[in-house]
Amino acid sequence: MSASARPPRVGVPATPDELLTTTRSVRLRLDLSRPVDLDQVRECVEIALQAPNGGNTQRWHWLVVAEDGLRKRIAEVYRRSFEARYPPTAAAGEAAAVGASAGGVPVGGASAGGVSDRMLAGGRHLAEHLHEVPVLVIPCLELGSRPLTAANQAGVWGSLLPAAWSYMLAARARGLGTAWTTVHLDAEQEVAELLGLPGDVRQGALIPTAHVLGDGFGPAPRRPVDSVLHLDGWGGTGWGGRGA
């Protein structure tokens, strides 16, 4: 589809700061009926390839799943993994939390694993409807002869996950909604077999991609910066005007 023929983008951010503070996981408002232009997805991946990666080895691969049958099989694995991790015993509390929420501000107490009822409800909604999301993007990393170990793996995944976030930012800039999900990794091998992945290729995330319902994108609720900011060592305070 040519740029001139595309529908107007919804809620496109005007500045880099707005882009960075309003790109958040969209689960309840994904438009399941509107197709996504795969050329736009390709553009987003191409932009993501500019992300930093160790030694510029570029061992990433991007699986874009748009075919209905394959998408449904992957979604079934995802749903089973989600329900195994979060049994549907608190559905009433989750539904109440969603119903009481306004403007994207979560309400309600913590549920399984400290996850809020509202967030868990959104995750369950996504798990139940993932097969309807028009595009699933699975960023992968080719490990070659380097197996994953029990040691700190930041150096390994640091060559993939920044690019996955860049993909989500590029999608947001085009009016598309995404969500960062990893629950399918509880059954990673099943999905690998569905996709025909080589044995040395590991998955880093699963990113549903769709247009969004409504036009509201706002910052996510986060802890105050001073509660997580440490100056010159753990617990260091006295930020004052030293950054000026």
Protein backbone atom coordinates (compact mmCIF):
# COMPACT_ATOMS: atom_id res chain seq x y z
CA MET A 1 0.00 0.00 0.00
CA SER A 2 1.43 3.37 -0.93
CA ALA A 3 1.96 6.02 1.74
CA SER A 4 -0.70 8.23 0.17
CA ALA A 5 -3.26 5.42 0.24
CA ARG A 6 -2.77 4.50 3.89
CA PRO A 7 -5.43 5.51 6.45
CA PRO A 8 -4.40 8.36 8.77
CA ARG A 9 -2.26 7.26 11.68
CA VAL A 10 -3.81 7.36 15.13
CA GLY A 11 -2.09 9.23 17.91
CA VAL A 12 1.29 9.54 16.18
CA PRO A 13 3.82 11.06 18.64
CA ALA A 14 5.14 14.50 17.76
CA THR A 15 8.49 14.38 19.58
CA PRO A 16 11.06 11.75 20.61
CA ASP A 17 10.15 12.26 24.28
CA GLU A 18 6.48 11.64 23.52
CA LEU A 19 7.36 8.51 21.56
CA LEU A 20 9.48 7.14 24.39
CA THR A 21 6.93 7.88 27.11
CA THR A 22 3.80 6.66 25.33
CA THR A 23 5.01 3.41 23.78
CA ARG A 24 3.44 0.88 26.11
CA SER A 25 1.97 -2.58 25.88
CA VAL A 26 -1.49 -2.56 24.30
CA ARG A 27 -3.54 -5.63 25.14
CA LEU A 28 -7.20 -4.65 25.50
CA ARG A 29 -7.37 -2.13 22.64
CA LEU A 30 -5.77 -4.03 19.76
CA ASP A 31 -7.97 -3.83 16.65
CA LEU A 32 -8.53 -7.49 15.78
CA SER A 33 -10.55 -6.76 12.65
CA ARG A 34 -8.25 -4.42 10.73
CA PRO A 35 -5.38 -5.90 8.71
CA VAL A 36 -1.83 -4.64 9.15
CA ASP A 37 0.23 -3.66 6.12
CA LEU A 38 3.22 -6.02 6.11
CA ASP A 39 5.28 -3.37 4.37
CA GLN A 40 4.93 -1.27 7.52
CA VAL A 41 6.09 -4.21 9.62
CA ARG A 42 9.09 -4.59 7.34
CA GLU A 43 9.87 -0.88 7.78
CA CYS A 44 9.76 -1.29 11.55
CA VAL A 45 12.14 -4.25 11.44
CA GLU A 46 14.50 -2.37 9.13
CA ILE A 47 14.61 0.50 11.63
CA ALA A 48 15.15 -1.96 14.49
CA LEU A 49 18.30 -3.25 12.79
CA GLN A 50 20.01 0.02 13.73
CA ALA A 51 19.94 -0.97 17.41
CA PRO A 52 23.21 -1.68 19.21
CA ASN A 53 24.45 -5.27 19.31
CA GLY A 54 27.63 -6.90 20.56
CA GLY A 55 30.51 -6.63 18.10
CA ASN A 56 28.08 -5.69 15.34
CA THR A 57 27.61 -9.44 14.78
CA GLN A 58 23.92 -8.92 13.93
CA ARG A 59 22.86 -12.42 14.89
CA TRP A 60 19.20 -11.43 15.09
CA HIS A 61 16.42 -12.92 12.98
CA TRP A 62 12.80 -11.76 12.82
CA LEU A 63 9.90 -14.16 12.39
CA VAL A 64 6.79 -12.35 11.17
CA VAL A 65 3.72 -14.56 11.46
CA ALA A 66 0.68 -13.47 9.46
CA GLU A 67 -0.75 -16.76 8.12
CA ASP A 68 -3.97 -17.67 9.94
CA GLY A 69 -3.27 -21.34 10.58
CA LEU A 70 0.24 -20.83 11.94
CA ARG A 71 -0.86 -17.86 14.01
CA LYS A 72 -3.60 -19.96 15.61
CA ARG A 73 -1.22 -22.79 16.47
CA ILE A 74 1.24 -20.39 18.09
CA ALA A 75 -1.62 -18.68 19.94
CA GLU A 76 -2.75 -22.03 21.34
CA VAL A 77 0.72 -22.66 22.78
CA TYR A 78 0.70 -19.15 24.23
CA ARG A 79 -2.75 -19.60 25.80
CA ARG A 80 -1.78 -22.90 27.44
CA SER A 81 1.44 -21.37 28.77
CA PHE A 82 -0.44 -18.36 30.16
CA GLU A 83 -3.07 -20.48 31.91
CA ALA A 84 -0.40 -22.76 33.39
CA ARG A 85 1.42 -19.75 34.80
CA TYR A 86 -1.73 -17.82 35.82
CA PRO A 87 -4.61 -20.23 36.50
CA PRO A 88 -7.99 -18.56 35.87
CA THR A 89 -9.02 -18.51 39.54
CA ALA A 90 -9.19 -14.73 39.96
CA ALA A 91 -11.11 -13.86 36.82
CA ALA A 92 -13.83 -12.02 38.74
CA GLY A 93 -11.32 -9.75 40.46
CA GLU A 94 -9.56 -9.12 37.18
CA ALA A 95 -12.82 -8.18 35.45
CA ALA A 96 -13.79 -5.84 38.28
CA ALA A 97 -10.40 -4.14 38.13
CA VAL A 98 -10.74 -3.54 34.39
CA GLY A 99 -14.28 -2.25 34.79
CA ALA A 100 -13.24 0.17 37.52
CA SER A 101 -10.21 1.46 35.64
CA ALA A 102 -10.35 4.85 33.96
CA GLY A 103 -7.88 6.44 31.60
CA GLY A 104 -5.46 3.53 31.74
CA VAL A 105 -4.70 3.97 35.47
CA PRO A 106 -4.61 0.52 37.12
CA VAL A 107 -6.77 -0.11 40.15
CA GLY A 108 -7.29 -3.11 42.38
CA GLY A 109 -4.87 -5.16 44.42
CA ALA A 110 -2.08 -7.48 43.46
CA SER A 111 -2.89 -10.85 41.97
CA ALA A 112 -0.67 -13.78 40.96
CA GLY A 113 3.04 -13.09 41.33
CA GLY A 114 2.42 -9.50 42.41
CA VAL A 115 0.83 -8.61 39.06
CA SER A 116 -2.14 -6.25 39.40
CA ASP A 117 -5.62 -7.58 38.69
CA ARG A 118 -6.02 -5.16 35.81
CA MET A 119 -2.73 -6.11 34.17
CA LEU A 120 -3.47 -9.79 34.62
CA ALA A 121 -6.91 -9.30 33.06
CA GLY A 122 -5.32 -7.57 30.08
CA GLY A 123 -2.85 -10.41 29.74
CA ARG A 124 -5.61 -12.99 29.90
CA HIS A 125 -7.63 -11.10 27.28
CA LEU A 126 -4.60 -11.12 25.00
CA ALA A 127 -4.03 -14.84 25.60
CA GLU A 128 -7.64 -15.59 24.68
CA HIS A 129 -7.55 -13.45 21.52
CA LEU A 130 -3.95 -13.78 20.34
CA HIS A 131 -5.06 -15.89 17.37
CA GLU A 132 -7.06 -12.89 16.14
CA VAL A 133 -4.16 -10.42 16.23
CA PRO A 134 -3.19 -9.85 12.58
CA VAL A 135 0.60 -10.03 12.99
CA LEU A 136 2.89 -11.68 15.52
CA VAL A 137 6.57 -10.72 15.49
CA ILE A 138 9.10 -13.03 17.17
CA PRO A 139 12.63 -11.63 17.43
CA CYS A 140 15.23 -14.38 17.65
CA LEU A 141 18.96 -14.67 18.28
CA GLU A 142 21.28 -17.06 16.47
CA LEU A 143 23.68 -18.36 19.12
CA GLY A 144 25.92 -20.45 16.89
CA SER A 145 28.28 -22.52 19.03
CA ARG A 146 27.69 -20.41 22.17
CA PRO A 147 25.16 -22.21 24.40
CA LEU A 148 23.20 -20.30 26.99
CA THR A 149 24.67 -20.76 30.46
CA ALA A 150 23.52 -20.14 34.00
CA ALA A 151 25.86 -17.15 34.20
CA ASN A 152 24.74 -13.57 33.59
CA GLN A 153 23.24 -13.51 30.09
CA ALA A 154 22.99 -9.72 29.70
CA GLY A 155 25.77 -9.73 27.12
CA VAL A 156 23.89 -12.28 25.04
CA TRP A 157 20.39 -10.80 25.09
CA GLY A 158 21.77 -7.29 24.88
CA SER A 159 22.35 -8.08 21.21
CA LEU A 160 18.62 -8.62 20.60
CA LEU A 161 16.32 -6.97 23.12
CA PRO A 162 17.24 -3.33 22.33
CA ALA A 163 16.32 -4.06 18.71
CA ALA A 164 13.00 -5.57 19.79
CA TRP A 165 12.21 -2.38 21.72
CA SER A 166 13.22 -0.32 18.69
CA TYR A 167 10.70 -2.33 16.66
CA MET A 168 7.97 -1.41 19.12
CA LEU A 169 8.95 2.27 18.99
CA ALA A 170 8.87 2.24 15.19
CA ALA A 171 5.45 0.60 15.27
CA ARG A 172 4.16 3.22 17.73
CA ALA A 173 5.44 5.97 15.42
CA ARG A 174 3.25 4.47 12.69
CA GLY A 175 0.14 4.35 14.86
CA LEU A 176 0.41 0.62 15.56
CA GLY A 177 -0.01 -0.99 18.96
CA THR A 178 2.28 -3.69 20.32
CA ALA A 179 2.77 -5.63 23.52
CA TRP A 180 5.93 -7.10 25.00
CA THR A 181 5.22 -10.74 25.85
CA THR A 182 7.41 -13.70 26.77
CA VAL A 183 4.99 -16.20 28.33
CA HIS A 184 5.24 -18.49 25.29
CA LEU A 185 8.89 -19.09 26.20
CA ASP A 186 7.61 -21.52 28.85
CA ALA A 187 6.97 -23.74 25.80
CA GLU A 188 9.65 -22.27 23.56
CA GLN A 189 10.51 -25.55 21.85
CA GLU A 190 6.91 -26.08 20.70
CA VAL A 191 6.90 -22.71 18.98
CA ALA A 192 10.38 -23.34 17.56
CA GLU A 193 9.09 -26.52 15.93
CA LEU A 194 6.07 -24.73 14.50
CA LEU A 195 8.37 -22.12 12.96
CA GLY A 196 11.05 -24.58 11.83
CA LEU A 197 13.79 -22.78 13.76
CA PRO A 198 17.31 -24.23 13.70
CA GLY A 199 18.53 -25.64 17.00
CA ASP A 200 20.90 -22.75 17.69
CA VAL A 201 18.22 -20.05 17.28
CA ARG A 202 16.50 -18.89 20.46
CA GLN A 203 13.44 -16.67 20.82
CA GLY A 204 13.56 -13.45 22.81
CA ALA A 205 9.94 -12.27 22.85
CA LEU A 206 6.61 -12.41 21.04
CA ILE A 207 5.25 -9.02 19.96
CA PRO A 208 1.57 -8.85 18.86
CA THR A 209 1.19 -6.03 16.34
CA ALA A 210 -2.09 -4.41 15.32
CA HIS A 211 -3.86 -1.12 14.83
CA VAL A 212 -5.47 0.24 17.98
CA LEU A 213 -8.99 1.13 19.02
CA GLY A 214 -9.31 4.72 20.19
CA ASP A 215 -6.59 7.34 20.08
CA GLY A 216 -5.37 7.58 23.66
CA PHE A 217 -1.70 6.86 24.33
CA GLY A 218 -0.33 8.08 27.63
CA PRO A 219 2.60 7.35 29.93
CA ALA A 220 2.38 4.13 31.90
CA PRO A 221 2.16 4.26 35.70
CA ARG A 222 5.70 4.09 37.05
CA ARG A 223 7.47 4.55 40.38
CA PRO A 224 8.96 8.01 41.00
CA VAL A 225 12.42 8.34 39.50
CA ASP A 226 13.97 9.21 42.87
CA SER A 227 12.91 5.83 44.24
CA VAL A 228 15.09 4.00 41.71
CA LEU A 229 17.89 6.52 41.07
CA HIS A 230 21.19 6.02 42.92
CA LEU A 231 24.06 8.52 42.78
CA ASP A 232 27.66 7.25 43.09
CA GLY A 233 26.62 3.89 44.53
CA TRP A 234 23.58 1.98 45.80
CA GLY A 235 21.39 4.20 47.94
CA GLY A 236 23.29 7.35 47.01
CA THR A 237 21.14 10.47 47.24
CA GLY A 238 21.67 14.20 46.98
CA TRP A 239 20.94 14.53 43.30
CA GLY A 240 20.14 18.21 43.83
CA GLY A 241 21.28 20.28 40.88
CA ARG A 242 24.41 18.29 40.10
CA GLY A 243 23.07 17.33 36.67
CA ALA A 244 22.65 20.98 35.69
